[in-house]
């Protein structure tokens, strides 16, 4: 199945500007053009966007996603590279958890200084 920019954005649940940004960031390749000049996206493009959105949902930044995509496309699928990325992500999550715990403690102390 082929998509126009508008139909792919709608299918993925993102805005057209987001799709343009993903192209600019080279998360997806520039699409082919139909004879009428419209961009033509493929099912592969749709699947890639679903993977990008899934990775974002799990807290990966676009920069991190770009690194994973580049490695996958260049067939440099070294599991050690992914392990490093995932371990770094775990460190980031742990840091965020600690920061949120500290914030929670401050807020509790603010609303109930006796605790």
PDB file of N, CA and C in Angstrom:
ATOM      1  N   UNK A   1       0.846  -1.184   0.000  1.00  0.00           N
ATOM      2  CA  UNK A   1       0.000   0.000   0.000  1.00  0.00           C
ATOM      3  C   UNK A   1       0.888   1.242   0.000  1.00  0.00           C
ATOM      4  N   UNK A   2       0.487   2.227  -0.741  1.00  0.00           N
ATOM      5  CA  UNK A   2       1.200   3.505  -0.789  1.00  0.00           C
ATOM      6  C   UNK A   2       0.388   4.577  -0.082  1.00  0.00           C
ATOM      7  N   UNK A   3       1.110   5.571   0.434  1.00  0.00           N
ATOM      8  CA  UNK A   3       0.491   6.649   1.185  1.00  0.00           C
ATOM      9  C   UNK A   3       0.965   7.988   0.647  1.00  0.00           C
ATOM     10  N   UNK A   4       0.095   8.980   0.752  1.00  0.00           N
ATOM     11  CA  UNK A   4       0.520  10.366   0.567  1.00  0.00           C
ATOM     12  C   UNK A   4       1.026  10.832   1.935  1.00  0.00           C
ATOM     13  N   UNK A   5       1.636  11.996   1.975  1.00  0.00           N
ATOM     14  CA  UNK A   5       2.116  12.526   3.261  1.00  0.00           C
ATOM     15  C   UNK A   5       0.936  12.654   4.234  1.00  0.00           C
ATOM     16  N   UNK A   6      -0.163  13.173   3.748  1.00  0.00           N
ATOM     17  CA  UNK A   6      -1.338  13.376   4.594  1.00  0.00           C
ATOM     18  C   UNK A   6      -1.895  12.049   5.104  1.00  0.00           C
ATOM     19  N   UNK A   7      -2.019  11.060   4.212  1.00  0.00           N
ATOM     20  CA  UNK A   7      -2.605   9.785   4.632  1.00  0.00           C
ATOM     21  C   UNK A   7      -1.669   9.024   5.577  1.00  0.00           C
ATOM     22  N   UNK A   8      -0.366   9.130   5.374  1.00  0.00           N
ATOM     23  CA  UNK A   8       0.579   8.462   6.276  1.00  0.00           C
ATOM     24  C   UNK A   8       0.561   9.121   7.649  1.00  0.00           C
ATOM     25  N   UNK A   9       0.530  10.437   7.675  1.00  0.00           N
ATOM     26  CA  UNK A   9       0.462  11.144   8.957  1.00  0.00           C
ATOM     27  C   UNK A   9      -0.805  10.742   9.706  1.00  0.00           C
ATOM     28  N   UNK A  10      -1.911  10.689   8.994  1.00  0.00           N
ATOM     29  CA  UNK A  10      -3.177  10.302   9.617  1.00  0.00           C
ATOM     30  C   UNK A  10      -3.109   8.861  10.123  1.00  0.00           C
ATOM     31  N   UNK A  11      -2.598   7.966   9.312  1.00  0.00           N
ATOM     32  CA  UNK A  11      -2.474   6.544   9.678  1.00  0.00           C
ATOM     33  C   UNK A  11      -1.624   6.373  10.938  1.00  0.00           C
ATOM     34  N   UNK A  12      -0.544   7.147  11.033  1.00  0.00           N
ATOM     35  CA  UNK A  12       0.380   7.033  12.162  1.00  0.00           C
ATOM     36  C   UNK A  12      -0.085   7.823  13.388  1.00  0.00           C
ATOM     37  N   UNK A  13      -1.055   8.704  13.194  1.00  0.00           N
ATOM     38  CA  UNK A  13      -1.534   9.513  14.310  1.00  0.00           C
ATOM     39  C   UNK A  13      -0.575  10.639  14.669  1.00  0.00           C
ATOM     40  N   UNK A  14       0.116  11.153  13.652  1.00  0.00           N
ATOM     41  CA  UNK A  14       1.039  12.268  13.866  1.00  0.00           C
ATOM     42  C   UNK A  14       0.679  13.391  12.906  1.00  0.00           C
ATOM     43  N   UNK A  15       1.247  14.550  13.138  1.00  0.00           N
ATOM     44  CA  UNK A  15       1.006  15.674  12.251  1.00  0.00           C
ATOM     45  C   UNK A  15       1.913  15.612  11.030  1.00  0.00           C
ATOM     46  N   UNK A  16       1.513  16.308  10.001  1.00  0.00           N
ATOM     47  CA  UNK A  16       2.319  16.385   8.780  1.00  0.00           C
ATOM     48  C   UNK A  16       3.683  16.992   9.086  1.00  0.00           C
ATOM     49  N   UNK A  17       3.708  17.997   9.963  1.00  0.00           N
ATOM     50  CA  UNK A  17       4.984  18.630  10.330  1.00  0.00           C
ATOM     51  C   UNK A  17       5.911  17.637  11.022  1.00  0.00           C
ATOM     52  N   UNK A  18       5.351  16.740  11.822  1.00  0.00           N
ATOM     53  CA  UNK A  18       6.163  15.707  12.477  1.00  0.00           C
ATOM     54  C   UNK A  18       6.781  14.801  11.434  1.00  0.00           C
ATOM     55  N   UNK A  19       5.993  14.429  10.449  1.00  0.00           N
ATOM     56  CA  UNK A  19       6.495  13.586   9.368  1.00  0.00           C
ATOM     57  C   UNK A  19       7.620  14.295   8.614  1.00  0.00           C
ATOM     58  N   UNK A  20       7.443  15.560   8.333  1.00  0.00           N
ATOM     59  CA  UNK A  20       8.495  16.350   7.684  1.00  0.00           C
ATOM     60  C   UNK A  20       9.757  16.378   8.542  1.00  0.00           C
ATOM     61  N   UNK A  21       9.558  16.544   9.846  1.00  0.00           N
ATOM     62  CA  UNK A  21      10.699  16.588  10.765  1.00  0.00           C
ATOM     63  C   UNK A  21      11.437  15.251  10.772  1.00  0.00           C
ATOM     64  N   UNK A  22      10.715  14.142  10.751  1.00  0.00           N
ATOM     65  CA  UNK A  22      11.360  12.822  10.704  1.00  0.00           C
ATOM     66  C   UNK A  22      12.186  12.667   9.432  1.00  0.00           C
ATOM     67  N   UNK A  23      11.698  13.218   8.339  1.00  0.00           N
ATOM     68  CA  UNK A  23      12.471  13.196   7.091  1.00  0.00           C
ATOM     69  C   UNK A  23      13.724  14.051   7.238  1.00  0.00           C
ATOM     70  N   UNK A  24      13.559  15.245   7.787  1.00  0.00           N
ATOM     71  CA  UNK A  24      14.684  16.160   7.960  1.00  0.00           C
ATOM     72  C   UNK A  24      15.759  15.546   8.865  1.00  0.00           C
ATOM     73  N   UNK A  25      15.325  14.840   9.910  1.00  0.00           N
ATOM     74  CA  UNK A  25      16.253  14.182  10.838  1.00  0.00           C
ATOM     75  C   UNK A  25      16.831  12.894  10.244  1.00  0.00           C
ATOM     76  N   UNK A  26      16.338  12.528   9.059  1.00  0.00           N
ATOM     77  CA  UNK A  26      16.747  11.312   8.357  1.00  0.00           C
ATOM     78  C   UNK A  26      16.389  10.049   9.139  1.00  0.00           C
ATOM     79  N   UNK A  27      15.274  10.123   9.861  1.00  0.00           N
ATOM     80  CA  UNK A  27      14.741   8.927  10.506  1.00  0.00           C
ATOM     81  C   UNK A  27      14.043   8.056   9.469  1.00  0.00           C
ATOM     82  N   UNK A  28      13.471   8.713   8.477  1.00  0.00           N
ATOM     83  CA  UNK A  28      12.936   8.009   7.311  1.00  0.00           C
ATOM     84  C   UNK A  28      13.559   8.640   6.073  1.00  0.00           C
ATOM     85  N   UNK A  29      13.664   7.840   5.037  1.00  0.00           N
ATOM     86  CA  UNK A  29      14.271   8.325   3.790  1.00  0.00           C
ATOM     87  C   UNK A  29      13.287   9.208   3.033  1.00  0.00           C
ATOM     88  N   UNK A  30      13.816  10.136   2.251  1.00  0.00           N
ATOM     89  CA  UNK A  30      12.913  10.955   1.429  1.00  0.00           C
ATOM     90  C   UNK A  30      12.115  10.042   0.493  1.00  0.00           C
ATOM     91  N   UNK A  31      10.829  10.255   0.419  1.00  0.00           N
ATOM     92  CA  UNK A  31       9.991   9.375  -0.399  1.00  0.00           C
ATOM     93  C   UNK A  31      10.139   9.662  -1.890  1.00  0.00           C
ATOM     94  N   UNK A  32       9.744   8.670  -2.661  1.00  0.00           N
ATOM     95  CA  UNK A  32       9.690   8.853  -4.120  1.00  0.00           C
ATOM     96  C   UNK A  32       8.546   9.820  -4.420  1.00  0.00           C
ATOM     97  N   UNK A  33       8.540  10.299  -5.634  1.00  0.00           N
ATOM     98  CA  UNK A  33       7.468  11.212  -6.049  1.00  0.00           C
ATOM     99  C   UNK A  33       6.662  10.573  -7.174  1.00  0.00           C
ATOM    100  N   UNK A  34       5.377  10.761  -7.097  1.00  0.00           N
ATOM    101  CA  UNK A  34       4.481  10.297  -8.163  1.00  0.00           C
ATOM    102  C   UNK A  34       4.570  11.278  -9.331  1.00  0.00           C
ATOM    103  N   UNK A  35       3.967  10.919 -10.433  1.00  0.00           N
ATOM    104  CA  UNK A  35       4.011  11.783 -11.614  1.00  0.00           C
ATOM    105  C   UNK A  35       3.368  13.147 -11.354  1.00  0.00           C
ATOM    106  N   UNK A  36       2.467  13.210 -10.397  1.00  0.00           N
ATOM    107  CA  UNK A  36       1.825  14.481 -10.062  1.00  0.00           C
ATOM    108  C   UNK A  36       2.652  15.297  -9.059  1.00  0.00           C
ATOM    109  N   UNK A  37       3.803  14.773  -8.655  1.00  0.00           N
ATOM    110  CA  UNK A  37       4.679  15.482  -7.740  1.00  0.00           C
ATOM    111  C   UNK A  37       4.450  15.173  -6.266  1.00  0.00           C
ATOM    112  N   UNK A  38       3.379  14.418  -5.995  1.00  0.00           N
ATOM    113  CA  UNK A  38       3.103  14.068  -4.598  1.00  0.00           C
ATOM    114  C   UNK A  38       4.119  13.064  -4.092  1.00  0.00           C
ATOM    115  N   UNK A  39       4.451  13.185  -2.829  1.00  0.00           N
ATOM    116  CA  UNK A  39       5.338  12.207  -2.210  1.00  0.00           C
ATOM    117  C   UNK A  39       4.578  10.898  -2.051  1.00  0.00           C
ATOM    118  N   UNK A  40       5.282   9.800  -2.290  1.00  0.00           N
ATOM    119  CA  UNK A  40       4.665   8.487  -2.171  1.00  0.00           C
ATOM    120  C   UNK A  40       5.437   7.681  -1.134  1.00  0.00           C
ATOM    121  N   UNK A  41       4.753   7.391  -0.029  1.00  0.00           N
ATOM    122  CA  UNK A  41       5.350   6.609   1.047  1.00  0.00           C
ATOM    123  C   UNK A  41       4.888   5.164   0.930  1.00  0.00           C
ATOM    124  N   UNK A  42       5.728   4.278   1.382  1.00  0.00           N
ATOM    125  CA  UNK A  42       5.435   2.851   1.282  1.00  0.00           C
ATOM    126  C   UNK A  42       4.989   2.283   2.625  1.00  0.00           C
ATOM    127  N   UNK A  43       4.586   1.043   2.593  1.00  0.00           N
ATOM    128  CA  UNK A  43       4.240   0.324   3.820  1.00  0.00           C
ATOM    129  C   UNK A  43       5.460   0.227   4.732  1.00  0.00           C
ATOM    130  N   UNK A  44       6.635   0.097   4.135  1.00  0.00           N
ATOM    131  CA  UNK A  44       7.885   0.070   4.916  1.00  0.00           C
ATOM    132  C   UNK A  44       8.059   1.377   5.693  1.00  0.00           C
ATOM    133  N   UNK A  45       7.758   2.499   5.031  1.00  0.00           N
ATOM    134  CA  UNK A  45       7.826   3.794   5.723  1.00  0.00           C
ATOM    135  C   UNK A  45       6.847   3.833   6.890  1.00  0.00           C
ATOM    136  N   UNK A  46       5.631   3.334   6.663  1.00  0.00           N
ATOM    137  CA  UNK A  46       4.611   3.317   7.718  1.00  0.00           C
ATOM    138  C   UNK A  46       5.081   2.472   8.897  1.00  0.00           C
ATOM    139  N   UNK A  47       5.672   1.326   8.598  1.00  0.00           N
ATOM    140  CA  UNK A  47       6.173   0.454   9.664  1.00  0.00           C
ATOM    141  C   UNK A  47       7.318   1.112  10.430  1.00  0.00           C
ATOM    142  N   UNK A  48       8.189   1.802   9.707  1.00  0.00           N
ATOM    143  CA  UNK A  48       9.312   2.474  10.362  1.00  0.00           C
ATOM    144  C   UNK A  48       8.802   3.551  11.316  1.00  0.00           C
ATOM    145  N   UNK A  49       7.784   4.280  10.889  1.00  0.00           N
ATOM    146  CA  UNK A  49       7.223   5.318  11.755  1.00  0.00           C
ATOM    147  C   UNK A  49       6.591   4.685  12.997  1.00  0.00           C
ATOM    148  N   UNK A  50       5.934   3.551  12.831  1.00  0.00           N
ATOM    149  CA  UNK A  50       5.365   2.853  13.990  1.00  0.00           C
ATOM    150  C   UNK A  50       6.472   2.457  14.969  1.00  0.00           C
ATOM    151  N   UNK A  51       7.605   2.004  14.449  1.00  0.00           N
ATOM    152  CA  UNK A  51       8.735   1.646  15.312  1.00  0.00           C
ATOM    153  C   UNK A  51       9.310   2.884  16.017  1.00  0.00           C
ATOM    154  N   UNK A  52       9.405   3.976  15.287  1.00  0.00           N
ATOM    155  CA  UNK A  52       9.901   5.230  15.874  1.00  0.00           C
ATOM    156  C   UNK A  52       8.988   5.664  17.014  1.00  0.00           C
ATOM    157  N   UNK A  53       7.686   5.636  16.770  1.00  0.00           N
ATOM    158  CA  UNK A  53       6.729   6.050  17.798  1.00  0.00           C
ATOM    159  C   UNK A  53       6.755   5.102  18.992  1.00  0.00           C
ATOM    160  N   UNK A  54       6.955   3.810  18.714  1.00  0.00           N
ATOM    161  CA  UNK A  54       7.066   2.842  19.802  1.00  0.00           C
ATOM    162  C   UNK A  54       8.291   3.105  20.659  1.00  0.00           C
ATOM    163  N   UNK A  55       9.418   3.392  20.017  1.00  0.00           N
ATOM    164  CA  UNK A  55      10.650   3.683  20.753  1.00  0.00           C
ATOM    165  C   UNK A  55      10.488   4.969  21.565  1.00  0.00           C
ATOM    166  N   UNK A  56       9.822   5.968  20.983  1.00  0.00           N
ATOM    167  CA  UNK A  56       9.569   7.213  21.725  1.00  0.00           C
ATOM    168  C   UNK A  56       8.701   6.941  22.947  1.00  0.00           C
ATOM    169  N   UNK A  57       7.717   6.073  22.776  1.00  0.00           N
ATOM    170  CA  UNK A  57       6.823   5.724  23.877  1.00  0.00           C
ATOM    171  C   UNK A  57       7.607   5.131  25.044  1.00  0.00           C
ATOM    172  N   UNK A  58       8.672   4.413  24.734  1.00  0.00           N
ATOM    173  CA  UNK A  58       9.485   3.796  25.776  1.00  0.00           C
ATOM    174  C   UNK A  58      10.613   4.705  26.250  1.00  0.00           C
ATOM    175  N   UNK A  59      10.556   5.975  25.851  1.00  0.00           N
ATOM    176  CA  UNK A  59      11.466   6.959  26.412  1.00  0.00           C
ATOM    177  C   UNK A  59      12.731   7.230  25.625  1.00  0.00           C
ATOM    178  N   UNK A  60      12.871   6.643  24.451  1.00  0.00           N
ATOM    179  CA  UNK A  60      14.062   6.914  23.654  1.00  0.00           C
ATOM    180  C   UNK A  60      13.903   8.250  22.932  1.00  0.00           C
ATOM    181  N   UNK A  61      14.973   9.014  22.906  1.00  0.00           N
ATOM    182  CA  UNK A  61      14.960  10.292  22.200  1.00  0.00           C
ATOM    183  C   UNK A  61      15.097  10.043  20.706  1.00  0.00           C
ATOM    184  N   UNK A  62      14.785  11.042  19.919  1.00  0.00           N
ATOM    185  CA  UNK A  62      14.956  10.902  18.469  1.00  0.00           C
ATOM    186  C   UNK A  62      16.427  10.681  18.120  1.00  0.00           C
ATOM    187  N   UNK A  63      17.317  11.288  18.871  1.00  0.00           N
ATOM    188  CA  UNK A  63      18.750  11.077  18.638  1.00  0.00           C
ATOM    189  C   UNK A  63      19.120   9.607  18.859  1.00  0.00           C
ATOM    190  N   UNK A  64      18.611   9.025  19.934  1.00  0.00           N
ATOM    191  CA  UNK A  64      18.882   7.618  20.216  1.00  0.00           C
ATOM    192  C   UNK A  64      18.254   6.714  19.155  1.00  0.00           C
ATOM    193  N   UNK A  65      17.066   7.057  18.743  1.00  0.00           N
ATOM    194  CA  UNK A  65      16.379   6.283  17.705  1.00  0.00           C
ATOM    195  C   UNK A  65      17.161   6.362  16.399  1.00  0.00           C
ATOM    196  N   UNK A  66      17.663   7.547  16.083  1.00  0.00           N
ATOM    197  CA  UNK A  66      18.466   7.734  14.862  1.00  0.00           C
ATOM    198  C   UNK A  66      19.695   6.832  14.888  1.00  0.00           C
ATOM    199  N   UNK A  67      20.362   6.750  16.030  1.00  0.00           N
ATOM    200  CA  UNK A  67      21.540   5.880  16.151  1.00  0.00           C
ATOM    201  C   UNK A  67      21.155   4.433  15.875  1.00  0.00           C
ATOM    202  N   UNK A  68      20.052   3.981  16.451  1.00  0.00           N
ATOM    203  CA  UNK A  68      19.616   2.602  16.241  1.00  0.00           C
ATOM    204  C   UNK A  68      19.259   2.348  14.782  1.00  0.00           C
ATOM    205  N   UNK A  69      18.563   3.303  14.168  1.00  0.00           N
ATOM    206  CA  UNK A  69      18.182   3.151  12.763  1.00  0.00           C
ATOM    207  C   UNK A  69      19.425   3.097  11.876  1.00  0.00           C
ATOM    208  N   UNK A  70      20.354   4.011  12.110  1.00  0.00           N
ATOM    209  CA  UNK A  70      21.581   4.043  11.307  1.00  0.00           C
ATOM    210  C   UNK A  70      22.342   2.727  11.410  1.00  0.00           C
ATOM    211  N   UNK A  71      22.457   2.204  12.607  1.00  0.00           N
ATOM    212  CA  UNK A  71      23.177   0.939  12.790  1.00  0.00           C
ATOM    213  C   UNK A  71      22.447  -0.197  12.082  1.00  0.00           C
ATOM    214  N   UNK A  72      21.139  -0.215  12.189  1.00  0.00           N
ATOM    215  CA  UNK A  72      20.358  -1.265  11.541  1.00  0.00           C
ATOM    216  C   UNK A  72      20.477  -1.179  10.015  1.00  0.00           C
ATOM    217  N   UNK A  73      20.418   0.037   9.482  1.00  0.00           N
ATOM    218  CA  UNK A  73      20.484   0.203   8.031  1.00  0.00           C
ATOM    219  C   UNK A  73      21.872  -0.074   7.473  1.00  0.00           C
ATOM    220  N   UNK A  74      22.898   0.165   8.277  1.00  0.00           N
ATOM    221  CA  UNK A  74      24.266  -0.093   7.823  1.00  0.00           C
ATOM    222  C   UNK A  74      24.720  -1.508   8.138  1.00  0.00           C
ATOM    223  N   UNK A  75      23.785  -2.325   8.590  1.00  0.00           N
ATOM    224  CA  UNK A  75      24.058  -3.718   8.921  1.00  0.00           C
ATOM    225  C   UNK A  75      25.174  -3.870   9.943  1.00  0.00           C
ATOM    226  N   UNK A  76      25.294  -2.879  10.787  1.00  0.00           N
ATOM    227  CA  UNK A  76      26.277  -2.951  11.866  1.00  0.00           C
ATOM    228  C   UNK A  76      25.513  -3.231  13.152  1.00  0.00           C
ATOM    229  N   UNK A  77      24.801  -4.339  13.141  1.00  0.00           N
ATOM    230  CA  UNK A  77      23.951  -4.700  14.260  1.00  0.00           C
ATOM    231  C   UNK A  77      24.754  -5.411  15.341  1.00  0.00           C
ATOM    232  N   UNK A  78      25.614  -4.684  15.968  1.00  0.00           N
ATOM    233  CA  UNK A  78      26.407  -5.223  17.060  1.00  0.00           C
ATOM    234  C   UNK A  78      25.569  -5.147  18.326  1.00  0.00           C
ATOM    235  N   UNK A  79      25.261  -6.302  18.897  1.00  0.00           N
ATOM    236  CA  UNK A  79      24.409  -6.314  20.086  1.00  0.00           C
ATOM    237  C   UNK A  79      25.053  -5.533  21.223  1.00  0.00           C
ATOM    238  N   UNK A  80      26.366  -5.433  21.230  1.00  0.00           N
ATOM    239  CA  UNK A  80      27.056  -4.656  22.258  1.00  0.00           C
ATOM    240  C   UNK A  80      26.677  -3.174  22.166  1.00  0.00           C
ATOM    241  N   UNK A  81      26.539  -2.655  20.944  1.00  0.00           N
ATOM    242  CA  UNK A  81      26.133  -1.257  20.764  1.00  0.00           C
ATOM    243  C   UNK A  81      24.743  -1.013  21.351  1.00  0.00           C
ATOM    244  N   UNK A  82      23.826  -1.938  21.074  1.00  0.00           N
ATOM    245  CA  UNK A  82      22.481  -1.790  21.600  1.00  0.00           C
ATOM    246  C   UNK A  82      22.489  -1.943  23.116  1.00  0.00           C
ATOM    247  N   UNK A  83      23.304  -2.854  23.609  1.00  0.00           N
ATOM    248  CA  UNK A  83      23.406  -3.031  25.064  1.00  0.00           C
ATOM    249  C   UNK A  83      23.889  -1.745  25.725  1.00  0.00           C
ATOM    250  N   UNK A  84      24.855  -1.084  25.116  1.00  0.00           N
ATOM    251  CA  UNK A  84      25.360   0.191  25.654  1.00  0.00           C
ATOM    252  C   UNK A  84      24.247   1.237  25.662  1.00  0.00           C
ATOM    253  N   UNK A  85      23.524   1.341  24.538  1.00  0.00           N
ATOM    254  CA  UNK A  85      22.399   2.290  24.469  1.00  0.00           C
ATOM    255  C   UNK A  85      21.360   1.990  25.539  1.00  0.00           C
ATOM    256  N   UNK A  86      21.030   0.710  25.702  1.00  0.00           N
ATOM    257  CA  UNK A  86      20.006   0.332  26.664  1.00  0.00           C
ATOM    258  C   UNK A  86      20.485   0.568  28.094  1.00  0.00           C
ATOM    259  N   UNK A  87      21.751   0.294  28.363  1.00  0.00           N
ATOM    260  CA  UNK A  87      22.290   0.538  29.712  1.00  0.00           C
ATOM    261  C   UNK A  87      22.293   2.051  30.009  1.00  0.00           C
ATOM    262  N   UNK A  88      22.651   2.850  29.007  1.00  0.00           N
ATOM    263  CA  UNK A  88      22.598   4.305  29.183  1.00  0.00           C
ATOM    264  C   UNK A  88      21.168   4.765  29.458  1.00  0.00           C
ATOM    265  N   UNK A  89      20.221   4.168  28.757  1.00  0.00           N
ATOM    266  CA  UNK A  89      18.813   4.526  28.965  1.00  0.00           C
ATOM    267  C   UNK A  89      18.384   4.151  30.378  1.00  0.00           C
ATOM    268  N   UNK A  90      18.824   2.993  30.862  1.00  0.00           N
ATOM    269  CA  UNK A  90      18.496   2.571  32.229  1.00  0.00           C
ATOM    270  C   UNK A  90      19.075   3.560  33.236  1.00  0.00           C
ATOM    271  N   UNK A  91      20.302   4.036  32.999  1.00  0.00           N
ATOM    272  CA  UNK A  91      20.905   5.043  33.891  1.00  0.00           C
ATOM    273  C   UNK A  91      20.075   6.320  33.884  1.00  0.00           C
ATOM    274  N   UNK A  92      19.627   6.735  32.688  1.00  0.00           N
ATOM    275  CA  UNK A  92      18.793   7.938  32.582  1.00  0.00           C
ATOM    276  C   UNK A  92      17.491   7.763  33.364  1.00  0.00           C
ATOM    277  N   UNK A  93      16.893   6.603  33.247  1.00  0.00           N
ATOM    278  CA  UNK A  93      15.633   6.326  33.941  1.00  0.00           C
ATOM    279  C   UNK A  93      15.852   6.350  35.450  1.00  0.00           C
ATOM    280  N   UNK A  94      16.930   5.703  35.902  1.00  0.00           N
ATOM    281  CA  UNK A  94      17.236   5.709  37.337  1.00  0.00           C
ATOM    282  C   UNK A  94      17.435   7.134  37.852  1.00  0.00           C
ATOM    283  N   UNK A  95      18.120   7.964  37.062  1.00  0.00           N
ATOM    284  CA  UNK A  95      18.333   9.358  37.445  1.00  0.00           C
ATOM    285  C   UNK A  95      16.995  10.092  37.544  1.00  0.00           C
ATOM    286  N   UNK A  96      16.129   9.876  36.567  1.00  0.00           N
ATOM    287  CA  UNK A  96      14.813  10.519  36.585  1.00  0.00           C
ATOM    288  C   UNK A  96      14.000  10.066  37.791  1.00  0.00           C
ATOM    289  N   UNK A  97      14.076   8.785  38.111  1.00  0.00           N
ATOM    290  CA  UNK A  97      13.348   8.256  39.275  1.00  0.00           C
ATOM    291  C   UNK A  97      13.834   8.947  40.544  1.00  0.00           C
ATOM    292  N   UNK A  98      15.150   9.056  40.699  1.00  0.00           N
ATOM    293  CA  UNK A  98      15.704   9.706  41.889  1.00  0.00           C
ATOM    294  C   UNK A  98      15.296  11.171  41.972  1.00  0.00           C
ATOM    295  N   UNK A  99      15.325  11.857  40.826  1.00  0.00           N
ATOM    296  CA  UNK A  99      14.913  13.262  40.808  1.00  0.00           C
ATOM    297  C   UNK A  99      13.439  13.405  41.181  1.00  0.00           C
ATOM    298  N   UNK A 100      12.606  12.502  40.671  1.00  0.00           N
ATOM    299  CA  UNK A 100      11.181  12.552  40.994  1.00  0.00           C
ATOM    300  C   UNK A 100      10.928  12.225  42.462  1.00  0.00           C
ATOM    301  N   UNK A 101      11.685  11.276  43.007  1.00  0.00           N
ATOM    302  CA  UNK A 101      11.550  10.967  44.438  1.00  0.00           C
ATOM    303  C   UNK A 101      11.924  12.183  45.286  1.00  0.00           C
ATOM    304  N   UNK A 102      12.983  12.879  44.899  1.00  0.00           N
ATOM    305  CA  UNK A 102      13.392  14.084  45.623  1.00  0.00           C
ATOM    306  C   UNK A 102      12.323  15.158  45.532  1.00  0.00           C
ATOM    307  N   UNK A 103      11.777  15.342  44.349  1.00  0.00           N
ATOM    308  CA  UNK A 103      10.712  16.326  44.174  1.00  0.00           C
ATOM    309  C   UNK A 103       9.497  15.952  45.006  1.00  0.00           C
ATOM    310  N   UNK A 104       9.132  14.680  45.003  1.00  0.00           N
ATOM    311  CA  UNK A 104       7.988  14.218  45.785  1.00  0.00           C
ATOM    312  C   UNK A 104       8.211  14.513  47.263  1.00  0.00           C
ATOM    313  N   UNK A 105       9.410  14.229  47.736  1.00  0.00           N
ATOM    314  CA  UNK A 105       9.739  14.481  49.146  1.00  0.00           C
ATOM    315  C   UNK A 105       9.593  15.971  49.481  1.00  0.00           C
ATOM    316  N   UNK A 106      10.122  16.832  48.603  1.00  0.00           N
ATOM    317  CA  UNK A 106      10.011  18.277  48.821  1.00  0.00           C
ATOM    318  C   UNK A 106       8.554  18.731  48.855  1.00  0.00           C
ATOM    319  N   UNK A 107       7.755  18.213  47.951  1.00  0.00           N
ATOM    320  CA  UNK A 107       6.343  18.605  47.902  1.00  0.00           C
ATOM    321  C   UNK A 107       5.596  18.130  49.143  1.00  0.00           C
ATOM    322  N   UNK A 108       5.895  16.914  49.587  1.00  0.00           N
ATOM    323  CA  UNK A 108       5.258  16.404  50.803  1.00  0.00           C
ATOM    324  C   UNK A 108       5.641  17.262  51.999  1.00  0.00           C
ATOM    325  N   UNK A 109       6.924  17.609  52.092  1.00  0.00           N
ATOM    326  CA  UNK A 109       7.379  18.465  53.194  1.00  0.00           C
ATOM    327  C   UNK A 109       6.728  19.843  53.131  1.00  0.00           C
ATOM    328  N   UNK A 110       6.472  20.321  51.937  1.00  0.00           N
ATOM    329  CA  UNK A 110       5.853  21.627  51.775  1.00  0.00           C
ATOM    330  C   UNK A 110       4.408  21.617  52.278  1.00  0.00           C
ATOM    331  N   UNK A 111       3.660  20.576  51.893  1.00  0.00           N
ATOM    332  CA  UNK A 111       2.240  20.556  52.274  1.00  0.00           C
ATOM    333  C   UNK A 111       2.015  20.021  53.688  1.00  0.00           C
ATOM    334  N   UNK A 112       2.993  19.277  54.195  1.00  0.00           N
ATOM    335  CA  UNK A 112       2.866  18.733  55.560  1.00  0.00           C
ATOM    336  C   UNK A 112       4.239  18.704  56.214  1.00  0.00           C
ATOM    337  N   UNK A 113       4.681  19.869  56.744  1.00  0.00           N
ATOM    338  CA  UNK A 113       6.042  19.968  57.306  1.00  0.00           C
ATOM    339  C   UNK A 113       6.310  19.000  58.459  1.00  0.00           C
ATOM    340  N   UNK A 114       5.260  18.466  59.084  1.00  0.00           N
ATOM    341  CA  UNK A 114       5.443  17.549  60.214  1.00  0.00           C
ATOM    342  C   UNK A 114       5.960  16.182  59.782  1.00  0.00           C
ATOM    343  N   UNK A 115       5.816  15.847  58.526  1.00  0.00           N
ATOM    344  CA  UNK A 115       6.245  14.510  58.056  1.00  0.00           C
ATOM    345  C   UNK A 115       7.718  14.422  57.867  1.00  0.00           C
TER     346      UNK A 115
END
